[in-house]
Amino acid sequence: IRITRVNNATVAEESIIPLEVEKRYNDQVSYGITRILKAGSTGILERTYDVTYHSGVETARRFVSERVVEEGTPQVIEIGTAGAIVTEDGKVRPYSQIVNVLATAYSTEGWKSKHTFTQTLARVGTVAVDPDVIPLGSELYITSLDGKEWVYGLAVAEDTGSLIQGHRVDLFFDTQEECVNFGVSDALVYILK
């Protein structure tokens, strides 16, 4: 004869709520310097379950509720960005030089050849430059003068052009319509390290 004892119990389990980190970028602090402005703390979360045991062995578990036992506080850190740019996706990228340029736009829409001077396929992120000002192969980050009106973003200097002389760049767009909409604009080119 086998006797199975069935017991039910309410079980509460605690787990740690991970520390939240709030980043503040400061262009007055050197790139690579990170400081904690405010120490944070983790929180505690309690989950309650109804548990069924057969002869002391757990056989079933049903979630009942959860509650925050202790609220965490975010840690605030300051990240130095002097000599670096913060990209749209929040990455901090150091640069070696900033070049003020006149930006225009081009597309290969309707062209037979879709290749650049360096034999790569022209695509969004391809930029035509004067190699005497911006070396071919340079990784770039390009924005309007204020960095807010428009952002072209990450790009690579892979093309040249007969009209691209001196402090001028030509930004690739997929269509002629996009080129017309972009027009001509003063821009900042960050030459990334």
Protein backbone atom coordinates (compact mmCIF):
# COMPACT_ATOMS: atom_id res chain seq x y z
CA ILE A 1 0.00 0.00 0.00
CA ARG A 2 1.37 3.37 -1.00
CA ILE A 3 0.05 6.48 0.74
CA THR A 4 0.50 9.81 -1.00
CA ARG A 5 0.11 12.85 1.16
CA VAL A 6 -1.08 15.91 -0.77
CA ASN A 7 -0.33 19.27 0.77
CA ASN A 8 -0.96 22.76 -0.55
CA ALA A 9 1.01 25.77 0.58
CA THR A 10 1.37 29.43 -0.31
CA VAL A 11 5.01 30.22 -0.96
CA ALA A 12 6.56 33.69 -1.26
CA GLU A 13 9.88 34.05 -3.05
CA GLU A 14 11.98 37.22 -3.21
CA SER A 15 14.18 38.26 -6.10
CA ILE A 16 16.37 41.27 -6.76
CA ILE A 17 15.15 44.00 -9.09
CA PRO A 18 18.27 44.92 -11.14
CA LEU A 19 19.95 48.27 -10.60
CA GLU A 20 18.81 50.90 -13.08
CA VAL A 21 21.50 53.19 -14.50
CA GLU A 22 20.77 56.70 -15.74
CA LYS A 23 23.47 58.10 -18.05
CA ARG A 24 24.25 61.79 -18.28
CA TYR A 25 26.66 62.94 -20.98
CA ASN A 26 28.96 65.88 -20.23
CA ASP A 27 30.99 67.47 -23.04
CA GLN A 28 33.04 69.39 -20.45
CA VAL A 29 34.56 66.16 -19.11
CA SER A 30 37.22 64.28 -21.09
CA TYR A 31 36.16 61.25 -23.12
CA GLY A 32 36.76 58.04 -21.20
CA ILE A 33 36.06 59.57 -17.78
CA THR A 34 33.02 58.13 -16.01
CA ARG A 35 31.88 59.24 -12.57
CA ILE A 36 29.10 58.10 -10.27
CA LEU A 37 26.98 61.15 -9.41
CA LYS A 38 24.46 59.26 -7.30
CA ALA A 39 24.75 55.75 -5.91
CA GLY A 40 21.73 53.62 -6.64
CA SER A 41 20.25 50.55 -5.07
CA THR A 42 18.55 47.38 -6.21
CA GLY A 43 14.96 46.69 -5.25
CA ILE A 44 13.25 43.56 -3.97
CA LEU A 45 10.34 41.88 -5.73
CA GLU A 46 8.19 39.28 -3.98
CA ARG A 47 6.26 36.70 -6.03
CA THR A 48 3.63 34.52 -4.38
CA TYR A 49 2.71 31.03 -5.63
CA ASP A 50 0.22 28.31 -4.64
CA VAL A 51 2.28 25.13 -4.55
CA THR A 52 1.04 21.53 -4.44
CA TYR A 53 3.21 18.81 -2.90
CA HIS A 54 2.76 15.03 -3.22
CA SER A 55 4.59 13.29 -0.38
CA GLY A 56 6.85 16.30 0.03
CA VAL A 57 7.72 16.65 -3.67
CA GLU A 58 6.50 19.74 -5.52
CA THR A 59 4.21 18.70 -8.37
CA ALA A 60 2.44 21.91 -9.33
CA ARG A 61 2.96 25.66 -8.97
CA ARG A 62 0.54 28.47 -9.82
CA PHE A 63 1.49 32.15 -9.85
CA VAL A 64 -0.77 34.23 -7.58
CA SER A 65 0.67 37.73 -7.30
CA GLU A 66 3.71 39.90 -7.11
CA ARG A 67 4.59 43.07 -5.24
CA VAL A 68 7.56 45.35 -4.82
CA VAL A 69 8.83 44.95 -1.26
CA GLU A 70 11.55 47.54 -1.63
CA GLU A 71 11.84 50.14 -4.40
CA GLY A 72 15.25 50.50 -5.99
CA THR A 73 16.79 53.87 -6.82
CA PRO A 74 18.61 54.52 -10.09
CA GLN A 75 22.35 55.03 -10.13
CA VAL A 76 23.28 58.23 -11.97
CA ILE A 77 26.55 58.22 -13.86
CA GLU A 78 28.26 61.01 -15.77
CA ILE A 79 30.06 60.07 -18.97
CA GLY A 80 32.67 62.43 -20.38
CA THR A 81 32.21 63.18 -24.07
CA ALA A 82 34.79 65.92 -24.69
CA GLY A 83 36.49 64.74 -27.86
CA ALA A 84 33.62 62.35 -28.60
CA ILE A 85 30.17 62.40 -30.16
CA VAL A 86 27.09 60.63 -28.81
CA THR A 87 25.36 58.89 -31.73
CA GLU A 88 21.60 58.68 -32.15
CA ASP A 89 21.62 55.16 -30.69
CA GLY A 90 23.44 56.41 -27.56
CA LYS A 91 26.93 55.12 -28.34
CA VAL A 92 29.84 57.38 -27.43
CA ARG A 93 32.38 57.56 -30.28
CA PRO A 94 35.69 59.44 -29.97
CA TYR A 95 36.76 61.58 -32.90
CA SER A 96 40.09 62.93 -34.06
CA GLN A 97 38.83 65.99 -35.93
CA ILE A 98 35.70 68.03 -36.71
CA VAL A 99 35.43 69.48 -40.22
CA ASN A 100 32.92 72.19 -41.18
CA VAL A 101 31.65 71.41 -44.67
CA LEU A 102 28.99 72.20 -47.21
CA ALA A 103 26.86 69.07 -47.65
CA THR A 104 25.05 68.15 -50.83
CA ALA A 105 23.31 64.92 -51.83
CA TYR A 106 23.58 62.34 -54.61
CA SER A 107 21.94 59.12 -55.70
CA THR A 108 22.72 56.42 -58.26
CA GLU A 109 19.03 56.08 -59.11
CA GLY A 110 18.89 55.53 -62.87
CA TRP A 111 22.67 55.13 -63.21
CA LYS A 112 24.24 52.04 -64.78
CA SER A 113 27.15 51.96 -62.34
CA LYS A 114 26.25 51.80 -58.67
CA HIS A 115 29.85 51.60 -57.47
CA THR A 116 31.95 54.20 -55.70
CA PHE A 117 35.48 55.39 -56.43
CA THR A 118 36.75 52.77 -53.95
CA GLN A 119 34.71 50.05 -55.75
CA THR A 120 32.16 49.58 -52.96
CA LEU A 121 28.45 49.56 -53.69
CA ALA A 122 26.94 53.03 -53.14
CA ARG A 123 24.40 52.93 -50.32
CA VAL A 124 23.06 55.12 -47.53
CA GLY A 125 26.11 55.85 -45.39
CA THR A 126 28.40 56.33 -48.40
CA VAL A 127 29.90 59.80 -48.63
CA ALA A 128 31.88 61.46 -51.42
CA VAL A 129 34.75 63.59 -50.11
CA ASP A 130 37.85 65.47 -51.20
CA PRO A 131 40.59 63.04 -50.10
CA ASP A 132 42.91 65.99 -49.39
CA VAL A 133 40.48 67.10 -46.64
CA ILE A 134 38.93 63.82 -45.47
CA PRO A 135 40.92 60.64 -46.17
CA LEU A 136 39.14 57.89 -48.13
CA GLY A 137 38.13 55.04 -45.85
CA SER A 138 37.54 57.33 -42.86
CA GLU A 139 34.61 56.47 -40.63
CA LEU A 140 32.48 59.59 -40.10
CA TYR A 141 29.52 60.92 -38.18
CA ILE A 142 27.67 63.74 -39.94
CA THR A 143 25.11 66.22 -38.57
CA SER A 144 23.74 69.69 -39.15
CA LEU A 145 25.70 72.49 -37.47
CA ASP A 146 23.50 72.33 -34.36
CA GLY A 147 23.39 68.52 -34.37
CA LYS A 148 19.59 68.61 -34.11
CA GLU A 149 18.09 69.93 -37.35
CA TRP A 150 19.15 66.78 -39.17
CA VAL A 151 21.50 63.85 -38.57
CA TYR A 152 22.91 61.80 -41.43
CA GLY A 153 24.68 59.62 -38.88
CA LEU A 154 27.47 57.11 -39.34
CA ALA A 155 29.08 57.08 -42.76
CA VAL A 156 32.24 56.06 -44.59
CA ALA A 157 34.26 58.21 -47.00
CA GLU A 158 34.18 55.85 -50.01
CA ASP A 159 33.56 58.11 -53.00
CA THR A 160 34.87 61.20 -54.72
CA GLY A 161 33.42 63.55 -57.30
CA SER A 162 34.65 66.23 -59.69
CA LEU A 163 32.58 68.87 -57.86
CA ILE A 164 33.55 67.66 -54.39
CA GLN A 165 36.55 69.87 -53.73
CA GLY A 166 37.76 71.31 -50.45
CA HIS A 167 35.37 71.43 -47.48
CA ARG A 168 32.45 69.78 -49.22
CA VAL A 169 30.82 66.35 -48.92
CA ASP A 170 28.18 64.58 -50.99
CA LEU A 171 25.82 62.35 -48.95
CA PHE A 172 24.30 59.31 -50.62
CA PHE A 173 20.51 58.87 -50.64
CA ASP A 174 18.48 56.11 -52.29
CA THR A 175 16.37 58.38 -54.50
CA GLN A 176 16.68 61.65 -56.41
CA GLU A 177 13.62 62.91 -54.53
CA GLU A 178 15.45 62.49 -51.20
CA CYS A 179 18.41 64.39 -52.67
CA VAL A 180 16.18 67.29 -53.75
CA ASN A 181 14.52 67.34 -50.32
CA PHE A 182 17.92 67.45 -48.61
CA GLY A 183 19.22 70.23 -50.85
CA VAL A 184 22.38 71.95 -49.63
CA SER A 185 23.29 72.45 -45.97
CA ASP A 186 26.17 73.45 -43.75
CA ALA A 187 27.31 70.41 -41.79
CA LEU A 188 29.75 69.05 -39.26
CA VAL A 189 31.76 65.97 -40.12
CA TYR A 190 33.28 64.15 -37.15
CA ILE A 191 36.21 62.01 -38.29
CA LEU A 192 35.98 59.08 -35.89
CA LYS A 193 38.96 57.32 -34.30
